[in-house]
Protein backbone atom coordinates (compact mmCIF):
# COMPACT_ATOMS: atom_id res chain seq x y z
CA UNK A 1 -44.69 -51.21 -42.49
CA UNK A 2 -47.10 -48.61 -40.38
CA UNK A 3 -49.65 -51.32 -39.25
CA UNK A 4 -46.16 -52.84 -37.75
CA UNK A 5 -45.08 -49.89 -36.01
CA UNK A 6 -48.96 -49.41 -34.92
CA UNK A 7 -49.71 -52.53 -32.97
CA UNK A 8 -46.19 -53.10 -31.61
CA UNK A 9 -46.46 -49.40 -30.35
CA UNK A 10 -49.92 -50.25 -28.94
CA UNK A 11 -48.96 -54.11 -27.48
CA UNK A 12 -46.12 -52.69 -25.91
CA UNK A 13 -45.15 -49.44 -26.32
CA UNK A 14 -42.12 -47.15 -26.59
CA UNK A 15 -40.15 -49.42 -24.78
CA UNK A 16 -40.67 -51.99 -27.71
CA UNK A 17 -38.59 -50.31 -30.14
CA UNK A 18 -35.36 -49.60 -27.75
CA UNK A 19 -35.40 -53.36 -26.93
CA UNK A 20 -31.67 -54.72 -27.36
CA UNK A 21 -30.69 -51.43 -28.38
CA UNK A 22 -28.50 -51.65 -25.70
CA UNK A 23 -26.28 -54.97 -26.07
CA UNK A 24 -25.66 -53.26 -29.87
CA UNK A 25 -24.88 -50.51 -28.70
CA UNK A 26 -21.89 -52.85 -25.96
CA UNK A 27 -21.38 -55.18 -28.64
CA UNK A 28 -20.70 -52.49 -31.22
CA UNK A 29 -17.66 -49.85 -29.60
CA UNK A 30 -15.99 -53.06 -29.86
CA UNK A 31 -15.99 -54.06 -33.01
CA UNK A 32 -15.08 -50.60 -33.55
CA UNK A 33 -12.24 -49.49 -31.33
CA UNK A 34 -10.64 -52.80 -33.32
CA UNK A 35 -11.41 -51.30 -36.69
CA UNK A 36 -10.03 -48.61 -36.33
CA UNK A 37 -6.48 -49.63 -34.39
CA UNK A 38 -5.90 -52.55 -37.04
CA UNK A 39 -7.18 -49.66 -39.62
CA UNK A 40 -3.81 -47.14 -38.38
CA UNK A 41 -1.59 -50.15 -37.85
CA UNK A 42 -1.57 -50.99 -40.93
CA UNK A 43 -2.10 -48.22 -42.86
CA UNK A 44 1.35 -47.17 -41.09
CA UNK A 45 2.54 -50.49 -41.94
CA UNK A 46 2.06 -49.44 -45.29
CA UNK A 47 3.57 -45.83 -45.16
CA UNK A 48 6.76 -47.46 -44.01
CA UNK A 49 7.00 -49.81 -47.66
CA UNK A 50 5.49 -47.07 -49.78
CA UNK A 51 5.36 -43.95 -48.50
CA UNK A 52 3.04 -41.11 -50.12
CA UNK A 53 4.00 -39.28 -53.10
CA UNK A 54 3.88 -35.73 -52.32
CA UNK A 55 1.95 -34.86 -55.60
CA UNK A 56 -1.14 -37.41 -54.19
CA UNK A 57 -1.71 -36.54 -51.57
CA UNK A 58 -1.63 -34.01 -48.19
CA UNK A 59 0.66 -33.92 -45.98
CA UNK A 60 -0.77 -32.61 -43.09
CA UNK A 61 -4.55 -34.47 -44.02
CA UNK A 62 -3.77 -36.89 -45.84
CA UNK A 63 -5.96 -36.54 -47.83
CA UNK A 64 -6.00 -36.60 -51.53
CA UNK A 65 -5.52 -34.16 -53.98
CA UNK A 66 -7.43 -34.31 -56.87
CA UNK A 67 -6.31 -35.18 -59.62
CA UNK A 68 -3.68 -32.38 -62.17
CA UNK A 69 -5.27 -33.87 -65.26
CA UNK A 70 -8.78 -32.25 -64.40
CA UNK A 71 -9.89 -29.59 -66.29
CA UNK A 72 -11.04 -26.52 -64.99
CA UNK A 73 -14.43 -27.28 -66.37
CA UNK A 74 -14.24 -30.86 -65.10
CA UNK A 75 -13.07 -29.25 -61.24
CA UNK A 76 -15.76 -25.86 -61.06
CA UNK A 77 -18.51 -28.67 -62.05
CA UNK A 78 -17.73 -31.30 -58.75
CA UNK A 79 -16.96 -28.21 -56.76
CA UNK A 80 -20.92 -26.78 -57.68
CA UNK A 81 -22.66 -31.09 -56.98
CA UNK A 82 -20.57 -30.59 -53.28
CA UNK A 83 -22.09 -27.65 -52.74
């Protein structure tokens, strides 16, 4: 693989690694925007049908809280793994 990169660089210069990048970025923007739009609309519709309970989500952030059945040791292990 390294040999392939070296030969490509020698033959075409640094521009070879950016070929098609602009088109890819321009294509990705509307795709990701549409995905975010559909996700947002879907979440709003689902919350109207079944509002989240106060025990399973945080009302200010919408993020899930840690389940209440986890004991202190499990929480400490999970917190340590994230740090």
